[in-house]
Amino acid sequence: MDNLFFPDAGLVPEVLDGGRMWRKLRARGGSLMLVEMHFEQGAVGAEHRHPHEQLCYCLEGEFLYSIEGEKATLRPGDSVFVPASALHGALCVAAGRLLDIFTPQRDDFLKP
């Protein structure tokens, strides 16, 4: 059976935006993927679209999040749903972390 457990010690973060952001693939299987995103203050998750549905949960920090032009501030404990193909992005107001869940999995996040 494929991996069922994903201990943190074996997970390697992928550095993005010159170190202002990094992501760690926390777990994946079936049609689901769990990704932790870390942002330094001022880092921008540029607006983009993808065919995956996404849930996003704010673990810490503060983010100005937009989905199809609608904006909200995310703080710890807040969540959002991003429909498939919706234009979305985030500006990190205070350094923090987001936990993203994708379905189906983001094959573009997988290393060969």
N, C-alpha and C. Protein backbone atom coordinates (compact mmCIF):
# COMPACT_ATOMS: atom_id res chain seq x y z
N MET A 1 0.85 -1.18 0.00
CA MET A 1 0.00 0.00 0.00
C MET A 1 0.89 1.24 0.00
N ASP A 2 0.46 2.29 -0.67
CA ASP A 2 1.22 3.54 -0.69
C ASP A 2 1.34 4.12 0.71
N ASN A 3 2.13 5.20 0.82
CA ASN A 3 2.32 5.84 2.12
C ASN A 3 1.00 6.19 2.78
N LEU A 4 0.88 5.83 4.05
CA LEU A 4 -0.27 6.19 4.86
C LEU A 4 0.12 7.16 5.95
N PHE A 5 1.41 7.16 6.31
CA PHE A 5 1.91 8.04 7.37
C PHE A 5 2.97 8.95 6.79
N PHE A 6 3.00 10.20 7.24
CA PHE A 6 3.91 11.21 6.72
C PHE A 6 4.58 11.95 7.87
N PRO A 7 5.56 11.32 8.54
CA PRO A 7 6.22 11.99 9.66
C PRO A 7 6.95 13.25 9.20
N ASP A 8 6.87 14.29 10.01
CA ASP A 8 7.47 15.57 9.65
C ASP A 8 8.96 15.45 9.34
N ALA A 9 9.67 14.59 10.07
CA ALA A 9 11.12 14.46 9.88
C ALA A 9 11.49 14.06 8.45
N GLY A 10 10.59 13.42 7.73
CA GLY A 10 10.88 12.98 6.37
C GLY A 10 10.40 13.93 5.29
N LEU A 11 9.80 15.05 5.67
CA LEU A 11 9.23 15.98 4.70
C LEU A 11 10.19 17.14 4.46
N VAL A 12 10.44 17.42 3.20
CA VAL A 12 11.39 18.47 2.82
C VAL A 12 10.63 19.66 2.25
N PRO A 13 10.82 20.86 2.82
CA PRO A 13 10.12 22.03 2.28
C PRO A 13 10.71 22.47 0.94
N GLU A 14 9.85 22.99 0.08
CA GLU A 14 10.27 23.55 -1.20
C GLU A 14 10.27 25.07 -1.05
N VAL A 15 11.43 25.68 -1.22
CA VAL A 15 11.57 27.13 -1.07
C VAL A 15 11.07 27.83 -2.32
N LEU A 16 10.25 28.88 -2.12
CA LEU A 16 9.66 29.64 -3.21
C LEU A 16 9.94 31.12 -3.02
N ASP A 17 9.87 31.88 -4.09
CA ASP A 17 9.98 33.34 -4.03
C ASP A 17 11.23 33.80 -3.26
N GLY A 18 12.37 33.19 -3.58
CA GLY A 18 13.62 33.61 -2.96
C GLY A 18 13.67 33.43 -1.45
N GLY A 19 12.86 32.51 -0.92
CA GLY A 19 12.87 32.25 0.52
C GLY A 19 11.77 32.98 1.28
N ARG A 20 10.99 33.79 0.59
CA ARG A 20 9.89 34.51 1.27
C ARG A 20 8.69 33.60 1.53
N MET A 21 8.67 32.46 0.82
CA MET A 21 7.61 31.47 1.01
C MET A 21 8.24 30.09 0.89
N TRP A 22 7.64 29.11 1.55
CA TRP A 22 7.99 27.72 1.31
C TRP A 22 6.75 26.87 1.50
N ARG A 23 6.75 25.72 0.83
CA ARG A 23 5.64 24.80 0.99
C ARG A 23 6.19 23.42 1.35
N LYS A 24 5.39 22.73 2.13
CA LYS A 24 5.74 21.37 2.53
C LYS A 24 4.53 20.49 2.24
N LEU A 25 4.74 19.48 1.42
CA LEU A 25 3.71 18.52 1.10
C LEU A 25 3.52 17.63 2.32
N ARG A 26 2.45 17.87 3.06
CA ARG A 26 2.23 17.18 4.34
C ARG A 26 1.76 15.74 4.17
N ALA A 27 0.82 15.53 3.24
CA ALA A 27 0.29 14.18 3.03
C ALA A 27 -0.47 14.17 1.71
N ARG A 28 -0.58 12.97 1.13
CA ARG A 28 -1.37 12.83 -0.08
C ARG A 28 -1.77 11.38 -0.26
N GLY A 29 -2.89 11.20 -0.93
CA GLY A 29 -3.38 9.86 -1.20
C GLY A 29 -4.78 9.93 -1.77
N GLY A 30 -5.16 8.90 -2.51
CA GLY A 30 -6.47 8.94 -3.16
C GLY A 30 -6.54 10.17 -4.04
N SER A 31 -7.55 10.99 -3.83
CA SER A 31 -7.66 12.22 -4.63
C SER A 31 -7.34 13.47 -3.81
N LEU A 32 -6.78 13.30 -2.60
CA LEU A 32 -6.52 14.43 -1.70
C LEU A 32 -5.04 14.74 -1.54
N MET A 33 -4.76 16.00 -1.26
CA MET A 33 -3.39 16.45 -0.97
C MET A 33 -3.46 17.53 0.11
N LEU A 34 -2.56 17.44 1.09
CA LEU A 34 -2.46 18.41 2.18
C LEU A 34 -1.12 19.11 2.10
N VAL A 35 -1.14 20.45 2.02
CA VAL A 35 0.07 21.24 1.82
C VAL A 35 0.12 22.37 2.85
N GLU A 36 1.26 22.50 3.53
CA GLU A 36 1.49 23.63 4.44
C GLU A 36 2.27 24.70 3.70
N MET A 37 1.77 25.93 3.75
CA MET A 37 2.45 27.07 3.12
C MET A 37 2.90 28.04 4.21
N HIS A 38 4.16 28.45 4.15
CA HIS A 38 4.72 29.43 5.09
C HIS A 38 5.00 30.71 4.32
N PHE A 39 4.60 31.84 4.86
CA PHE A 39 4.79 33.14 4.22
C PHE A 39 5.51 34.09 5.17
N GLU A 40 6.50 34.80 4.67
CA GLU A 40 7.07 35.92 5.40
C GLU A 40 6.17 37.13 5.18
N GLN A 41 6.22 38.09 6.08
CA GLN A 41 5.41 39.30 5.92
C GLN A 41 5.70 39.96 4.58
N GLY A 42 4.65 40.33 3.86
CA GLY A 42 4.79 40.98 2.56
C GLY A 42 4.84 40.03 1.37
N ALA A 43 5.00 38.73 1.63
CA ALA A 43 5.04 37.75 0.53
C ALA A 43 3.67 37.70 -0.14
N VAL A 44 3.70 37.45 -1.44
CA VAL A 44 2.46 37.43 -2.23
C VAL A 44 2.28 36.07 -2.89
N GLY A 45 1.14 35.47 -2.63
CA GLY A 45 0.71 34.31 -3.40
C GLY A 45 -0.06 34.88 -4.59
N ALA A 46 0.63 35.03 -5.71
CA ALA A 46 0.06 35.71 -6.88
C ALA A 46 -1.27 35.08 -7.29
N GLU A 47 -2.17 35.91 -7.80
CA GLU A 47 -3.46 35.39 -8.27
C GLU A 47 -3.23 34.35 -9.35
N HIS A 48 -3.98 33.28 -9.26
CA HIS A 48 -3.85 32.18 -10.21
C HIS A 48 -5.14 31.36 -10.21
N ARG A 49 -5.21 30.44 -11.15
CA ARG A 49 -6.34 29.51 -11.25
C ARG A 49 -5.77 28.09 -11.41
N HIS A 50 -6.51 27.14 -10.95
CA HIS A 50 -6.18 25.74 -11.20
C HIS A 50 -7.47 24.93 -11.17
N PRO A 51 -7.47 23.76 -11.79
CA PRO A 51 -8.70 22.99 -11.90
C PRO A 51 -9.09 22.25 -10.62
N HIS A 52 -8.32 22.44 -9.55
CA HIS A 52 -8.56 21.71 -8.30
C HIS A 52 -9.47 22.51 -7.37
N GLU A 53 -10.31 21.84 -6.61
CA GLU A 53 -11.00 22.49 -5.51
C GLU A 53 -9.99 22.59 -4.37
N GLN A 54 -10.14 23.65 -3.56
CA GLN A 54 -9.16 23.89 -2.50
C GLN A 54 -9.86 24.40 -1.25
N LEU A 55 -9.43 23.87 -0.11
CA LEU A 55 -9.79 24.43 1.19
C LEU A 55 -8.52 25.02 1.77
N CYS A 56 -8.63 26.15 2.43
CA CYS A 56 -7.48 26.81 3.02
C CYS A 56 -7.82 27.17 4.46
N TYR A 57 -6.95 26.80 5.38
CA TYR A 57 -7.13 27.06 6.81
C TYR A 57 -5.94 27.87 7.31
N CYS A 58 -6.20 28.98 7.98
CA CYS A 58 -5.13 29.82 8.51
C CYS A 58 -4.67 29.29 9.86
N LEU A 59 -3.41 28.86 9.93
CA LEU A 59 -2.83 28.36 11.16
C LEU A 59 -2.30 29.49 12.03
N GLU A 60 -1.65 30.47 11.38
CA GLU A 60 -1.11 31.62 12.11
C GLU A 60 -0.83 32.75 11.14
N GLY A 61 -0.72 33.97 11.65
CA GLY A 61 -0.45 35.12 10.82
C GLY A 61 -1.73 35.82 10.40
N GLU A 62 -1.60 36.66 9.36
CA GLU A 62 -2.74 37.39 8.82
C GLU A 62 -2.55 37.55 7.33
N PHE A 63 -3.61 37.29 6.57
CA PHE A 63 -3.55 37.29 5.12
C PHE A 63 -4.73 38.05 4.54
N LEU A 64 -4.49 38.82 3.51
CA LEU A 64 -5.56 39.40 2.71
C LEU A 64 -5.75 38.44 1.54
N TYR A 65 -6.88 37.74 1.53
CA TYR A 65 -7.15 36.67 0.59
C TYR A 65 -8.23 37.13 -0.38
N SER A 66 -8.05 36.83 -1.66
CA SER A 66 -9.07 37.20 -2.63
C SER A 66 -9.47 35.98 -3.45
N ILE A 67 -10.78 35.91 -3.74
CA ILE A 67 -11.33 34.87 -4.61
C ILE A 67 -12.28 35.57 -5.56
N GLU A 68 -11.95 35.53 -6.85
CA GLU A 68 -12.78 36.15 -7.88
C GLU A 68 -13.15 37.59 -7.52
N GLY A 69 -12.17 38.34 -6.99
CA GLY A 69 -12.37 39.75 -6.68
C GLY A 69 -12.97 40.03 -5.31
N GLU A 70 -13.50 39.01 -4.64
CA GLU A 70 -14.03 39.19 -3.29
C GLU A 70 -12.87 39.01 -2.30
N LYS A 71 -12.73 39.96 -1.35
CA LYS A 71 -11.58 39.94 -0.43
C LYS A 71 -12.02 39.77 1.01
N ALA A 72 -11.17 39.09 1.77
CA ALA A 72 -11.40 38.92 3.20
C ALA A 72 -10.05 38.79 3.89
N THR A 73 -10.01 39.17 5.14
CA THR A 73 -8.81 39.00 5.94
C THR A 73 -8.90 37.67 6.68
N LEU A 74 -7.86 36.84 6.55
CA LEU A 74 -7.80 35.56 7.24
C LEU A 74 -6.89 35.70 8.44
N ARG A 75 -7.37 35.21 9.56
CA ARG A 75 -6.59 35.15 10.80
C ARG A 75 -6.67 33.72 11.32
N PRO A 76 -5.85 33.36 12.30
CA PRO A 76 -5.86 31.98 12.80
C PRO A 76 -7.27 31.48 13.10
N GLY A 77 -7.57 30.30 12.57
CA GLY A 77 -8.86 29.68 12.75
C GLY A 77 -9.83 29.91 11.60
N ASP A 78 -9.52 30.87 10.71
CA ASP A 78 -10.39 31.16 9.57
C ASP A 78 -10.11 30.19 8.43
N SER A 79 -11.15 29.90 7.64
CA SER A 79 -11.04 29.00 6.50
C SER A 79 -11.72 29.61 5.28
N VAL A 80 -11.32 29.14 4.10
CA VAL A 80 -11.97 29.53 2.86
C VAL A 80 -12.10 28.31 1.95
N PHE A 81 -13.06 28.38 1.06
CA PHE A 81 -13.23 27.39 0.01
C PHE A 81 -12.97 28.08 -1.32
N VAL A 82 -12.09 27.50 -2.12
CA VAL A 82 -11.78 28.02 -3.46
C VAL A 82 -12.35 27.02 -4.47
N PRO A 83 -13.38 27.42 -5.21
CA PRO A 83 -13.93 26.52 -6.23
C PRO A 83 -12.91 26.26 -7.34
N ALA A 84 -13.08 25.16 -8.03
CA ALA A 84 -12.22 24.83 -9.17
C ALA A 84 -12.23 25.98 -10.17
N SER A 85 -11.06 26.33 -10.66
CA SER A 85 -10.83 27.36 -11.68
C SER A 85 -11.12 28.79 -11.23
N ALA A 86 -11.37 29.02 -9.94
CA ALA A 86 -11.60 30.39 -9.46
C ALA A 86 -10.26 31.13 -9.34
N LEU A 87 -10.24 32.39 -9.76
CA LEU A 87 -9.05 33.23 -9.63
C LEU A 87 -8.90 33.59 -8.15
N HIS A 88 -7.72 33.30 -7.58
CA HIS A 88 -7.49 33.57 -6.15
C HIS A 88 -6.02 33.85 -5.88
N GLY A 89 -5.77 34.50 -4.75
CA GLY A 89 -4.42 34.82 -4.34
C GLY A 89 -4.43 35.38 -2.93
N ALA A 90 -3.24 35.63 -2.38
CA ALA A 90 -3.13 36.11 -1.01
C ALA A 90 -1.93 37.02 -0.83
N LEU A 91 -2.08 38.01 0.03
CA LEU A 91 -1.00 38.88 0.48
C LEU A 91 -0.81 38.61 1.96
N CYS A 92 0.41 38.32 2.37
CA CYS A 92 0.69 38.06 3.78
C CYS A 92 0.92 39.39 4.50
N VAL A 93 0.01 39.73 5.40
CA VAL A 93 0.08 40.97 6.17
C VAL A 93 0.98 40.79 7.40
N ALA A 94 0.90 39.63 8.05
CA ALA A 94 1.76 39.28 9.18
C ALA A 94 2.21 37.84 8.96
N ALA A 95 3.51 37.58 9.09
CA ALA A 95 4.09 36.26 8.80
C ALA A 95 3.22 35.15 9.37
N GLY A 96 3.03 34.11 8.57
CA GLY A 96 2.17 33.04 9.03
C GLY A 96 2.19 31.82 8.15
N ARG A 97 1.25 30.91 8.45
CA ARG A 97 1.15 29.65 7.74
C ARG A 97 -0.30 29.35 7.38
N LEU A 98 -0.46 28.79 6.19
CA LEU A 98 -1.75 28.32 5.71
C LEU A 98 -1.67 26.82 5.47
N LEU A 99 -2.76 26.14 5.70
CA LEU A 99 -2.86 24.72 5.41
C LEU A 99 -3.86 24.56 4.27
N ASP A 100 -3.40 24.04 3.14
CA ASP A 100 -4.23 23.89 1.95
C ASP A 100 -4.53 22.41 1.71
N ILE A 101 -5.79 22.15 1.33
CA ILE A 101 -6.22 20.82 0.95
C ILE A 101 -6.73 20.91 -0.48
N PHE A 102 -6.23 20.04 -1.34
CA PHE A 102 -6.60 20.04 -2.75
C PHE A 102 -7.24 18.72 -3.14
N THR A 103 -8.21 18.80 -4.03
CA THR A 103 -8.75 17.62 -4.69
C THR A 103 -9.08 18.00 -6.13
N PRO A 104 -8.66 17.25 -7.13
CA PRO A 104 -7.69 16.16 -6.98
C PRO A 104 -6.32 16.70 -6.57
N GLN A 105 -5.38 15.79 -6.41
CA GLN A 105 -4.03 16.18 -6.01
C GLN A 105 -3.41 17.11 -7.04
N ARG A 106 -2.50 17.98 -6.59
CA ARG A 106 -1.77 18.88 -7.47
C ARG A 106 -0.53 18.16 -7.99
N ASP A 107 -0.65 17.54 -9.14
CA ASP A 107 0.49 16.84 -9.74
C ASP A 107 1.66 17.77 -9.98
N ASP A 108 1.37 19.07 -10.22
CA ASP A 108 2.44 20.03 -10.45
C ASP A 108 3.28 20.28 -9.21
N PHE A 109 2.83 19.86 -8.03
CA PHE A 109 3.61 20.00 -6.80
C PHE A 109 4.53 18.80 -6.56
N LEU A 110 4.37 17.74 -7.34
CA LEU A 110 5.14 16.51 -7.12
C LEU A 110 6.48 16.59 -7.83
N LYS A 111 7.51 16.15 -7.14
CA LYS A 111 8.84 16.09 -7.73
C LYS A 111 8.99 14.76 -8.45
N PRO A 112 9.64 14.77 -9.64
CA PRO A 112 9.85 13.49 -10.36
C PRO A 112 10.79 12.56 -9.61
